[in-house]
All heavy atoms as atom14 arrays in JSON, in Angstrom:
{
  "sequence": "DAAGLSVATSLGAKARVFNQGVRNINDGISALNIADASLESLSNIL",
  "atom14_mask": [
    [1, 1, 1, 1, 1, 1, 1, 1, 0, 0, 0, 0, 0, 0],
    [1, 1, 1, 1, 1, 0, 0, 0, 0, 0, 0, 0, 0, 0],
    [1, 1, 1, 1, 1, 0, 0, 0, 0, 0, 0, 0, 0, 0],
    [1, 1, 1, 1, 0, 0, 0, 0, 0, 0, 0, 0, 0, 0],
    [1, 1, 1, 1, 1, 1, 1, 1, 0, 0, 0, 0, 0, 0],
    [1, 1, 1, 1, 1, 1, 0, 0, 0, 0, 0, 0, 0, 0],
    [1, 1, 1, 1, 1, 1, 1, 0, 0, 0, 0, 0, 0, 0],
    [1, 1, 1, 1, 1, 0, 0, 0, 0, 0, 0, 0, 0, 0],
    [1, 1, 1, 1, 1, 1, 1, 0, 0, 0, 0, 0, 0, 0],
    [1, 1, 1, 1, 1, 1, 0, 0, 0, 0, 0, 0, 0, 0],
    [1, 1, 1, 1, 1, 1, 1, 1, 0, 0, 0, 0, 0, 0],
    [1, 1, 1, 1, 0, 0, 0, 0, 0, 0, 0, 0, 0, 0],
    [1, 1, 1, 1, 1, 0, 0, 0, 0, 0, 0, 0, 0, 0],
    [1, 1, 1, 1, 1, 1, 1, 1, 1, 0, 0, 0, 0, 0],
    [1, 1, 1, 1, 1, 0, 0, 0, 0, 0, 0, 0, 0, 0],
    [1, 1, 1, 1, 1, 1, 1, 1, 1, 1, 1, 0, 0, 0],
    [1, 1, 1, 1, 1, 1, 1, 0, 0, 0, 0, 0, 0, 0],
    [1, 1, 1, 1, 1, 1, 1, 1, 1, 1, 1, 0, 0, 0],
    [1, 1, 1, 1, 1, 1, 1, 1, 0, 0, 0, 0, 0, 0],
    [1, 1, 1, 1, 1, 1, 1, 1, 1, 0, 0, 0, 0, 0],
    [1, 1, 1, 1, 0, 0, 0, 0, 0, 0, 0, 0, 0, 0],
    [1, 1, 1, 1, 1, 1, 1, 0, 0, 0, 0, 0, 0, 0],
    [1, 1, 1, 1, 1, 1, 1, 1, 1, 1, 1, 0, 0, 0],
    [1, 1, 1, 1, 1, 1, 1, 1, 0, 0, 0, 0, 0, 0],
    [1, 1, 1, 1, 1, 1, 1, 1, 0, 0, 0, 0, 0, 0],
    [1, 1, 1, 1, 1, 1, 1, 1, 0, 0, 0, 0, 0, 0],
    [1, 1, 1, 1, 1, 1, 1, 1, 0, 0, 0, 0, 0, 0],
    [1, 1, 1, 1, 0, 0, 0, 0, 0, 0, 0, 0, 0, 0],
    [1, 1, 1, 1, 1, 1, 1, 1, 0, 0, 0, 0, 0, 0],
    [1, 1, 1, 1, 1, 1, 0, 0, 0, 0, 0, 0, 0, 0],
    [1, 1, 1, 1, 1, 0, 0, 0, 0, 0, 0, 0, 0, 0],
    [1, 1, 1, 1, 1, 1, 1, 1, 0, 0, 0, 0, 0, 0],
    [1, 1, 1, 1, 1, 1, 1, 1, 0, 0, 0, 0, 0, 0],
    [1, 1, 1, 1, 1, 1, 1, 1, 0, 0, 0, 0, 0, 0],
    [1, 1, 1, 1, 1, 0, 0, 0, 0, 0, 0, 0, 0, 0],
    [1, 1, 1, 1, 1, 1, 1, 1, 0, 0, 0, 0, 0, 0],
    [1, 1, 1, 1, 1, 0, 0, 0, 0, 0, 0, 0, 0, 0],
    [1, 1, 1, 1, 1, 1, 0, 0, 0, 0, 0, 0, 0, 0],
    [1, 1, 1, 1, 1, 1, 1, 1, 0, 0, 0, 0, 0, 0],
    [1, 1, 1, 1, 1, 1, 1, 1, 1, 0, 0, 0, 0, 0],
    [1, 1, 1, 1, 1, 1, 0, 0, 0, 0, 0, 0, 0, 0],
    [1, 1, 1, 1, 1, 1, 1, 1, 0, 0, 0, 0, 0, 0],
    [1, 1, 1, 1, 1, 1, 0, 0, 0, 0, 0, 0, 0, 0],
    [1, 1, 1, 1, 1, 1, 1, 1, 0, 0, 0, 0, 0, 0],
    [1, 1, 1, 1, 1, 1, 1, 1, 0, 0, 0, 0, 0, 0],
    [1, 1, 1, 1, 1, 1, 1, 1, 0, 0, 0, 0, 0, 0]
  ],
  "atom14_positions": [
    [[78.99, 135.52, 24.52], [78.88, 135.01, 23.14], [79.76, 133.76, 23.08], [80.97, 133.86, 22.92], [79.35, 136.06, 22.14], [79.23, 135.6, 20.69], [78.71, 134.49, 20.46], [79.65, 136.35, 19.8], [0.0, 0.0, 0.0], [0.0, 0.0, 0.0], [0.0, 0.0, 0.0], [0.0, 0.0, 0.0], [0.0, 0.0, 0.0], [0.0, 0.0, 0.0]],
    [[79.17, 132.59, 23.22], [79.92, 131.34, 23.31], [80.74, 131.08, 22.06], [81.93, 130.74, 22.14], [78.98, 130.17, 23.58], [0.0, 0.0, 0.0], [0.0, 0.0, 0.0], [0.0, 0.0, 0.0], [0.0, 0.0, 0.0], [0.0, 0.0, 0.0], [0.0, 0.0, 0.0], [0.0, 0.0, 0.0], [0.0, 0.0, 0.0], [0.0, 0.0, 0.0]],
    [[80.15, 131.24, 20.88], [80.88, 131.0, 19.63], [81.98, 132.03, 19.46], [83.11, 131.71, 19.06], [79.93, 131.03, 18.45], [0.0, 0.0, 0.0], [0.0, 0.0, 0.0], [0.0, 0.0, 0.0], [0.0, 0.0, 0.0], [0.0, 0.0, 0.0], [0.0, 0.0, 0.0], [0.0, 0.0, 0.0], [0.0, 0.0, 0.0], [0.0, 0.0, 0.0]],
    [[81.68, 133.27, 19.77], [82.69, 134.33, 19.67], [83.84, 134.1, 20.63], [85.0, 134.37, 20.3], [0.0, 0.0, 0.0], [0.0, 0.0, 0.0], [0.0, 0.0, 0.0], [0.0, 0.0, 0.0], [0.0, 0.0, 0.0], [0.0, 0.0, 0.0], [0.0, 0.0, 0.0], [0.0, 0.0, 0.0], [0.0, 0.0, 0.0], [0.0, 0.0, 0.0]],
    [[83.55, 133.62, 21.84], [84.61, 133.34, 22.81], [85.52, 132.22, 22.31], [86.74, 132.3, 22.45], [84.01, 132.96, 24.16], [85.01, 132.65, 25.26], [85.83, 133.9, 25.58], [84.3, 132.15, 26.5], [0.0, 0.0, 0.0], [0.0, 0.0, 0.0], [0.0, 0.0, 0.0], [0.0, 0.0, 0.0], [0.0, 0.0, 0.0], [0.0, 0.0, 0.0]],
    [[84.93, 131.21, 21.66], [85.72, 130.12, 21.1], [86.68, 130.64, 20.02], [87.87, 130.3, 20.01], [84.81, 129.05, 20.52], [85.55, 128.07, 19.84], [0.0, 0.0, 0.0], [0.0, 0.0, 0.0], [0.0, 0.0, 0.0], [0.0, 0.0, 0.0], [0.0, 0.0, 0.0], [0.0, 0.0, 0.0], [0.0, 0.0, 0.0], [0.0, 0.0, 0.0]],
    [[86.18, 131.47, 19.15], [87.01, 132.04, 18.08], [88.09, 132.95, 18.69], [89.26, 132.89, 18.31], [86.14, 132.81, 17.07], [86.99, 133.61, 16.11], [85.25, 131.85, 16.31], [0.0, 0.0, 0.0], [0.0, 0.0, 0.0], [0.0, 0.0, 0.0], [0.0, 0.0, 0.0], [0.0, 0.0, 0.0], [0.0, 0.0, 0.0], [0.0, 0.0, 0.0]],
    [[87.69, 133.77, 19.65], [88.64, 134.69, 20.28], [89.74, 133.94, 21.02], [90.92, 134.31, 20.96], [87.91, 135.63, 21.23], [0.0, 0.0, 0.0], [0.0, 0.0, 0.0], [0.0, 0.0, 0.0], [0.0, 0.0, 0.0], [0.0, 0.0, 0.0], [0.0, 0.0, 0.0], [0.0, 0.0, 0.0], [0.0, 0.0, 0.0], [0.0, 0.0, 0.0]],
    [[89.39, 132.85, 21.69], [90.39, 132.04, 22.41], [91.36, 131.41, 21.43], [92.57, 131.4, 21.66], [89.68, 130.97, 23.25], [88.8, 131.6, 24.16], [90.69, 130.14, 24.02], [0.0, 0.0, 0.0], [0.0, 0.0, 0.0], [0.0, 0.0, 0.0], [0.0, 0.0, 0.0], [0.0, 0.0, 0.0], [0.0, 0.0, 0.0], [0.0, 0.0, 0.0]],
    [[90.84, 130.89, 20.33], [91.69, 130.28, 19.31], [92.64, 131.31, 18.7], [93.84, 131.06, 18.53], [90.82, 129.66, 18.22], [91.61, 129.21, 17.14], [0.0, 0.0, 0.0], [0.0, 0.0, 0.0], [0.0, 0.0, 0.0], [0.0, 0.0, 0.0], [0.0, 0.0, 0.0], [0.0, 0.0, 0.0], [0.0, 0.0, 0.0], [0.0, 0.0, 0.0]],
    [[92.11, 132.5, 18.38], [92.96, 133.55, 17.82], [93.99, 134.03, 18.83], [95.13, 134.33, 18.47], [92.1, 134.72, 17.34], [91.26, 134.46, 16.09], [90.35, 135.65, 15.81], [92.13, 134.17, 14.89], [0.0, 0.0, 0.0], [0.0, 0.0, 0.0], [0.0, 0.0, 0.0], [0.0, 0.0, 0.0], [0.0, 0.0, 0.0], [0.0, 0.0, 0.0]],
    [[93.6, 134.1, 20.1], [94.55, 134.5, 21.14], [95.7, 133.52, 21.27], [96.85, 133.91, 21.43], [0.0, 0.0, 0.0], [0.0, 0.0, 0.0], [0.0, 0.0, 0.0], [0.0, 0.0, 0.0], [0.0, 0.0, 0.0], [0.0, 0.0, 0.0], [0.0, 0.0, 0.0], [0.0, 0.0, 0.0], [0.0, 0.0, 0.0], [0.0, 0.0, 0.0]],
    [[95.38, 132.21, 21.19], [96.44, 131.2, 21.26], [97.38, 131.31, 20.07], [98.6, 131.23, 20.22], [95.81, 129.8, 21.31], [0.0, 0.0, 0.0], [0.0, 0.0, 0.0], [0.0, 0.0, 0.0], [0.0, 0.0, 0.0], [0.0, 0.0, 0.0], [0.0, 0.0, 0.0], [0.0, 0.0, 0.0], [0.0, 0.0, 0.0], [0.0, 0.0, 0.0]],
    [[96.82, 131.51, 18.88], [97.66, 131.67, 17.7], [98.53, 132.91, 17.8], [99.7, 132.89, 17.41], [96.81, 131.73, 16.43], [96.22, 130.4, 16.04], [95.37, 130.51, 14.79], [94.75, 129.16, 14.45], [93.9, 129.25, 13.26], [0.0, 0.0, 0.0], [0.0, 0.0, 0.0], [0.0, 0.0, 0.0], [0.0, 0.0, 0.0], [0.0, 0.0, 0.0]],
    [[97.98, 133.98, 18.33], [98.76, 135.21, 18.49], [99.92, 134.99, 19.44], [101.04, 135.47, 19.19], [97.86, 136.34, 18.99], [0.0, 0.0, 0.0], [0.0, 0.0, 0.0], [0.0, 0.0, 0.0], [0.0, 0.0, 0.0], [0.0, 0.0, 0.0], [0.0, 0.0, 0.0], [0.0, 0.0, 0.0], [0.0, 0.0, 0.0], [0.0, 0.0, 0.0]],
    [[99.71, 134.26, 20.52], [100.81, 133.98, 21.46], [101.88, 133.12, 20.81], [103.07, 133.34, 21.01], [100.26, 133.32, 22.73], [99.46, 134.28, 23.58], [99.24, 133.84, 25.01], [99.22, 132.42, 25.26], [98.14, 131.69, 25.48], [96.96, 132.26, 25.48], [98.23, 130.4, 25.72], [0.0, 0.0, 0.0], [0.0, 0.0, 0.0], [0.0, 0.0, 0.0]],
    [[101.47, 132.15, 19.99], [102.44, 131.3, 19.29], [103.27, 132.14, 18.32], [104.5, 132.03, 18.26], [101.72, 130.14, 18.54], [102.66, 129.47, 17.55], [101.18, 129.13, 19.53], [0.0, 0.0, 0.0], [0.0, 0.0, 0.0], [0.0, 0.0, 0.0], [0.0, 0.0, 0.0], [0.0, 0.0, 0.0], [0.0, 0.0, 0.0], [0.0, 0.0, 0.0]],
    [[102.61, 133.02, 17.58], [103.34, 133.83, 16.61], [104.21, 134.89, 17.3], [105.27, 135.25, 16.78], [102.39, 134.45, 15.59], [101.86, 133.44, 14.61], [100.49, 133.28, 14.43], [102.71, 132.63, 13.89], [100.0, 132.33, 13.55], [102.24, 131.69, 13.0], [100.88, 131.54, 12.83], [0.0, 0.0, 0.0], [0.0, 0.0, 0.0], [0.0, 0.0, 0.0]],
    [[103.79, 135.38, 18.45], [104.66, 136.29, 19.21], [105.92, 135.58, 19.66], [107.01, 136.14, 19.63], [103.91, 136.87, 20.42], [102.94, 137.96, 20.03], [103.1, 138.59, 18.98], [101.94, 138.18, 20.85], [0.0, 0.0, 0.0], [0.0, 0.0, 0.0], [0.0, 0.0, 0.0], [0.0, 0.0, 0.0], [0.0, 0.0, 0.0], [0.0, 0.0, 0.0]],
    [[105.79, 134.31, 20.07], [106.98, 133.53, 20.42], [107.83, 133.3, 19.19], [109.06, 133.31, 19.25], [106.59, 132.2, 21.06], [107.78, 131.35, 21.48], [108.64, 132.05, 22.5], [108.16, 132.53, 23.5], [109.94, 132.1, 22.26], [0.0, 0.0, 0.0], [0.0, 0.0, 0.0], [0.0, 0.0, 0.0], [0.0, 0.0, 0.0], [0.0, 0.0, 0.0]],
    [[107.19, 133.09, 18.04], [107.92, 132.94, 16.79], [108.75, 134.17, 16.46], [109.89, 134.06, 16.0], [0.0, 0.0, 0.0], [0.0, 0.0, 0.0], [0.0, 0.0, 0.0], [0.0, 0.0, 0.0], [0.0, 0.0, 0.0], [0.0, 0.0, 0.0], [0.0, 0.0, 0.0], [0.0, 0.0, 0.0], [0.0, 0.0, 0.0], [0.0, 0.0, 0.0]],
    [[108.19, 135.34, 16.71], [108.94, 136.59, 16.48], [110.15, 136.65, 17.4], [111.25, 137.03, 16.97], [108.02, 137.82, 16.67], [108.82, 139.11, 16.74], [106.99, 137.88, 15.56], [0.0, 0.0, 0.0], [0.0, 0.0, 0.0], [0.0, 0.0, 0.0], [0.0, 0.0, 0.0], [0.0, 0.0, 0.0], [0.0, 0.0, 0.0], [0.0, 0.0, 0.0]],
    [[109.98, 136.26, 18.67], [111.12, 136.23, 19.59], [112.18, 135.23, 19.12], [113.38, 135.5, 19.18], [110.66, 135.91, 21.01], [109.89, 137.06, 21.66], [109.66, 136.83, 23.14], [108.83, 135.7, 23.45], [107.5, 135.73, 23.55], [106.85, 136.86, 23.37], [106.82, 134.63, 23.84], [0.0, 0.0, 0.0], [0.0, 0.0, 0.0], [0.0, 0.0, 0.0]],
    [[111.73, 134.07, 18.6], [112.67, 133.07, 18.08], [113.44, 133.63, 16.88], [114.65, 133.41, 16.75], [111.93, 131.8, 17.67], [111.39, 131.03, 18.86], [111.71, 131.32, 20.0], [110.54, 130.06, 18.58], [0.0, 0.0, 0.0], [0.0, 0.0, 0.0], [0.0, 0.0, 0.0], [0.0, 0.0, 0.0], [0.0, 0.0, 0.0], [0.0, 0.0, 0.0]],
    [[112.74, 134.31, 16.0], [113.4, 134.89, 14.82], [114.42, 135.93, 15.25], [115.53, 135.99, 14.7], [112.35, 135.49, 13.86], [111.57, 134.35, 13.19], [113.01, 136.36, 12.81], [110.36, 134.81, 12.41], [0.0, 0.0, 0.0], [0.0, 0.0, 0.0], [0.0, 0.0, 0.0], [0.0, 0.0, 0.0], [0.0, 0.0, 0.0], [0.0, 0.0, 0.0]],
    [[114.08, 136.75, 16.23], [115.04, 137.74, 16.72], [116.27, 137.08, 17.33], [117.4, 137.56, 17.15], [114.37, 138.68, 17.74], [113.43, 139.65, 17.09], [113.58, 140.0, 15.92], [112.43, 140.1, 17.82], [0.0, 0.0, 0.0], [0.0, 0.0, 0.0], [0.0, 0.0, 0.0], [0.0, 0.0, 0.0], [0.0, 0.0, 0.0], [0.0, 0.0, 0.0]],
    [[116.08, 135.95, 18.03], [117.24, 135.2, 18.54], [118.09, 134.67, 17.39], [119.31, 134.7, 17.45], [116.78, 134.03, 19.43], [116.31, 134.48, 20.79], [116.58, 135.64, 21.17], [115.68, 133.67, 21.49], [0.0, 0.0, 0.0], [0.0, 0.0, 0.0], [0.0, 0.0, 0.0], [0.0, 0.0, 0.0], [0.0, 0.0, 0.0], [0.0, 0.0, 0.0]],
    [[117.44, 134.17, 16.34], [118.17, 133.67, 15.19], [118.96, 134.77, 14.49], [120.1, 134.56, 14.07], [0.0, 0.0, 0.0], [0.0, 0.0, 0.0], [0.0, 0.0, 0.0], [0.0, 0.0, 0.0], [0.0, 0.0, 0.0], [0.0, 0.0, 0.0], [0.0, 0.0, 0.0], [0.0, 0.0, 0.0], [0.0, 0.0, 0.0], [0.0, 0.0, 0.0]],
    [[118.35, 135.95, 14.38], [119.05, 137.09, 13.78], [120.27, 137.45, 14.61], [121.35, 137.72, 14.08], [118.09, 138.29, 13.62], [117.08, 138.0, 12.53], [118.85, 139.57, 13.33], [115.93, 139.0, 12.46], [0.0, 0.0, 0.0], [0.0, 0.0, 0.0], [0.0, 0.0, 0.0], [0.0, 0.0, 0.0], [0.0, 0.0, 0.0], [0.0, 0.0, 0.0]],
    [[120.11, 137.43, 15.93], [121.25, 137.73, 16.81], [122.37, 136.71, 16.63], [123.55, 137.08, 16.55], [120.8, 137.75, 18.27], [119.88, 138.78, 18.5], [0.0, 0.0, 0.0], [0.0, 0.0, 0.0], [0.0, 0.0, 0.0], [0.0, 0.0, 0.0], [0.0, 0.0, 0.0], [0.0, 0.0, 0.0], [0.0, 0.0, 0.0], [0.0, 0.0, 0.0]],
    [[122.01, 135.44, 16.54], [123.03, 134.4, 16.35], [123.74, 134.59, 15.01], [124.98, 134.47, 14.92], [122.39, 133.01, 16.41], [0.0, 0.0, 0.0], [0.0, 0.0, 0.0], [0.0, 0.0, 0.0], [0.0, 0.0, 0.0], [0.0, 0.0, 0.0], [0.0, 0.0, 0.0], [0.0, 0.0, 0.0], [0.0, 0.0, 0.0], [0.0, 0.0, 0.0]],
    [[122.98, 134.88, 13.97], [123.6, 135.09, 12.65], [124.46, 136.35, 12.63], [125.5, 136.37, 11.97], [122.52, 135.16, 11.57], [121.81, 133.84, 11.28], [120.67, 134.05, 10.3], [122.78, 132.8, 10.76], [0.0, 0.0, 0.0], [0.0, 0.0, 0.0], [0.0, 0.0, 0.0], [0.0, 0.0, 0.0], [0.0, 0.0, 0.0], [0.0, 0.0, 0.0]],
    [[124.07, 137.39, 13.35], [124.9, 138.6, 13.44], [126.23, 138.3, 14.13], [127.28, 138.8, 13.7], [124.16, 139.71, 14.19], [123.1, 140.37, 13.34], [123.15, 140.3, 12.12], [122.15, 141.0, 13.98], [0.0, 0.0, 0.0], [0.0, 0.0, 0.0], [0.0, 0.0, 0.0], [0.0, 0.0, 0.0], [0.0, 0.0, 0.0], [0.0, 0.0, 0.0]],
    [[126.2, 137.49, 15.18], [127.43, 137.11, 15.86], [128.32, 136.3, 14.93], [129.53, 136.54, 14.83], [127.12, 136.33, 17.16], [126.49, 137.28, 18.18], [128.36, 135.67, 17.72], [125.93, 136.58, 19.4], [0.0, 0.0, 0.0], [0.0, 0.0, 0.0], [0.0, 0.0, 0.0], [0.0, 0.0, 0.0], [0.0, 0.0, 0.0], [0.0, 0.0, 0.0]],
    [[127.73, 135.33, 14.24], [128.51, 134.51, 13.3], [129.09, 135.36, 12.18], [130.25, 135.19, 11.79], [127.63, 133.39, 12.73], [0.0, 0.0, 0.0], [0.0, 0.0, 0.0], [0.0, 0.0, 0.0], [0.0, 0.0, 0.0], [0.0, 0.0, 0.0], [0.0, 0.0, 0.0], [0.0, 0.0, 0.0], [0.0, 0.0, 0.0], [0.0, 0.0, 0.0]],
    [[128.3, 136.31, 11.68], [128.76, 137.18, 10.59], [129.95, 138.03, 11.04], [130.94, 138.16, 10.31], [127.62, 138.08, 10.13], [128.02, 139.0, 9.0], [128.56, 138.51, 7.98], [127.81, 140.22, 9.13], [0.0, 0.0, 0.0], [0.0, 0.0, 0.0], [0.0, 0.0, 0.0], [0.0, 0.0, 0.0], [0.0, 0.0, 0.0], [0.0, 0.0, 0.0]],
    [[129.87, 138.61, 12.23], [130.97, 139.44, 12.73], [132.23, 138.6, 12.94], [133.34, 139.04, 12.62], [130.57, 140.12, 14.04], [0.0, 0.0, 0.0], [0.0, 0.0, 0.0], [0.0, 0.0, 0.0], [0.0, 0.0, 0.0], [0.0, 0.0, 0.0], [0.0, 0.0, 0.0], [0.0, 0.0, 0.0], [0.0, 0.0, 0.0], [0.0, 0.0, 0.0]],
    [[132.06, 137.38, 13.43], [133.21, 136.5, 13.62], [133.82, 136.1, 12.29], [135.05, 136.07, 12.15], [132.79, 135.24, 14.39], [132.38, 135.58, 15.68], [0.0, 0.0, 0.0], [0.0, 0.0, 0.0], [0.0, 0.0, 0.0], [0.0, 0.0, 0.0], [0.0, 0.0, 0.0], [0.0, 0.0, 0.0], [0.0, 0.0, 0.0], [0.0, 0.0, 0.0]],
    [[132.99, 135.8, 11.3], [133.52, 135.44, 9.98], [134.24, 136.61, 9.33], [135.24, 136.43, 8.64], [132.39, 134.93, 9.08], [131.81, 133.57, 9.47], [130.58, 133.25, 8.63], [132.85, 132.48, 9.35], [0.0, 0.0, 0.0], [0.0, 0.0, 0.0], [0.0, 0.0, 0.0], [0.0, 0.0, 0.0], [0.0, 0.0, 0.0], [0.0, 0.0, 0.0]],
    [[133.76, 137.82, 9.57], [134.47, 139.0, 9.05], [135.84, 139.13, 9.71], [136.83, 139.43, 9.03], [133.63, 140.26, 9.31], [134.23, 141.5, 8.69], [133.35, 142.73, 8.87], [132.15, 142.58, 9.14], [133.9, 143.84, 8.72], [0.0, 0.0, 0.0], [0.0, 0.0, 0.0], [0.0, 0.0, 0.0], [0.0, 0.0, 0.0], [0.0, 0.0, 0.0]],
    [[135.91, 138.88, 11.01], [137.2, 138.92, 11.7], [138.14, 137.85, 11.16], [139.34, 138.1, 10.95], [137.02, 138.72, 13.21], [136.31, 139.79, 13.77], [0.0, 0.0, 0.0], [0.0, 0.0, 0.0], [0.0, 0.0, 0.0], [0.0, 0.0, 0.0], [0.0, 0.0, 0.0], [0.0, 0.0, 0.0], [0.0, 0.0, 0.0], [0.0, 0.0, 0.0]],
    [[137.61, 136.65, 10.9], [138.43, 135.58, 10.34], [138.94, 135.94, 8.95], [140.09, 135.66, 8.6], [137.65, 134.27, 10.3], [137.25, 133.68, 11.67], [136.42, 132.42, 11.48], [138.45, 133.42, 12.54], [0.0, 0.0, 0.0], [0.0, 0.0, 0.0], [0.0, 0.0, 0.0], [0.0, 0.0, 0.0], [0.0, 0.0, 0.0], [0.0, 0.0, 0.0]],
    [[138.09, 136.58, 8.17], [138.51, 137.01, 6.83], [139.63, 138.04, 6.92], [140.6, 137.98, 6.14], [137.3, 137.59, 6.09], [137.68, 138.09, 4.84], [0.0, 0.0, 0.0], [0.0, 0.0, 0.0], [0.0, 0.0, 0.0], [0.0, 0.0, 0.0], [0.0, 0.0, 0.0], [0.0, 0.0, 0.0], [0.0, 0.0, 0.0], [0.0, 0.0, 0.0]],
    [[139.52, 138.97, 7.86], [140.58, 139.96, 8.04], [141.9, 139.31, 8.46], [142.98, 139.72, 8.01], [140.16, 141.01, 9.08], [139.05, 141.9, 8.57], [138.85, 142.04, 7.37], [138.32, 142.5, 9.49], [0.0, 0.0, 0.0], [0.0, 0.0, 0.0], [0.0, 0.0, 0.0], [0.0, 0.0, 0.0], [0.0, 0.0, 0.0], [0.0, 0.0, 0.0]],
    [[141.8, 138.28, 9.3], [143.02, 137.57, 9.72], [143.67, 136.88, 8.53], [144.89, 136.93, 8.35], [142.69, 136.57, 10.85], [142.4, 137.34, 12.15], [143.83, 135.58, 11.06], [141.88, 136.46, 13.28], [0.0, 0.0, 0.0], [0.0, 0.0, 0.0], [0.0, 0.0, 0.0], [0.0, 0.0, 0.0], [0.0, 0.0, 0.0], [0.0, 0.0, 0.0]],
    [[142.86, 136.23, 7.7], [143.41, 135.55, 6.52], [144.05, 136.53, 5.56], [145.11, 136.24, 4.97], [142.32, 134.74, 5.83], [141.79, 133.53, 6.6], [140.62, 132.9, 5.86], [142.9, 132.52, 6.85], [0.0, 0.0, 0.0], [0.0, 0.0, 0.0], [0.0, 0.0, 0.0], [0.0, 0.0, 0.0], [0.0, 0.0, 0.0], [0.0, 0.0, 0.0]]
  ]
}
């Protein structure tokens, strides 16, 4: 199905991009968690 294959390929590419986006968001959450824990330690020191 030539038309169906075109649609499926396009959707597959978008799915891979959004899966990478989820990994990027998880990295951002990890960075923010590290910053949050450090800021809490700084607050305790103050």
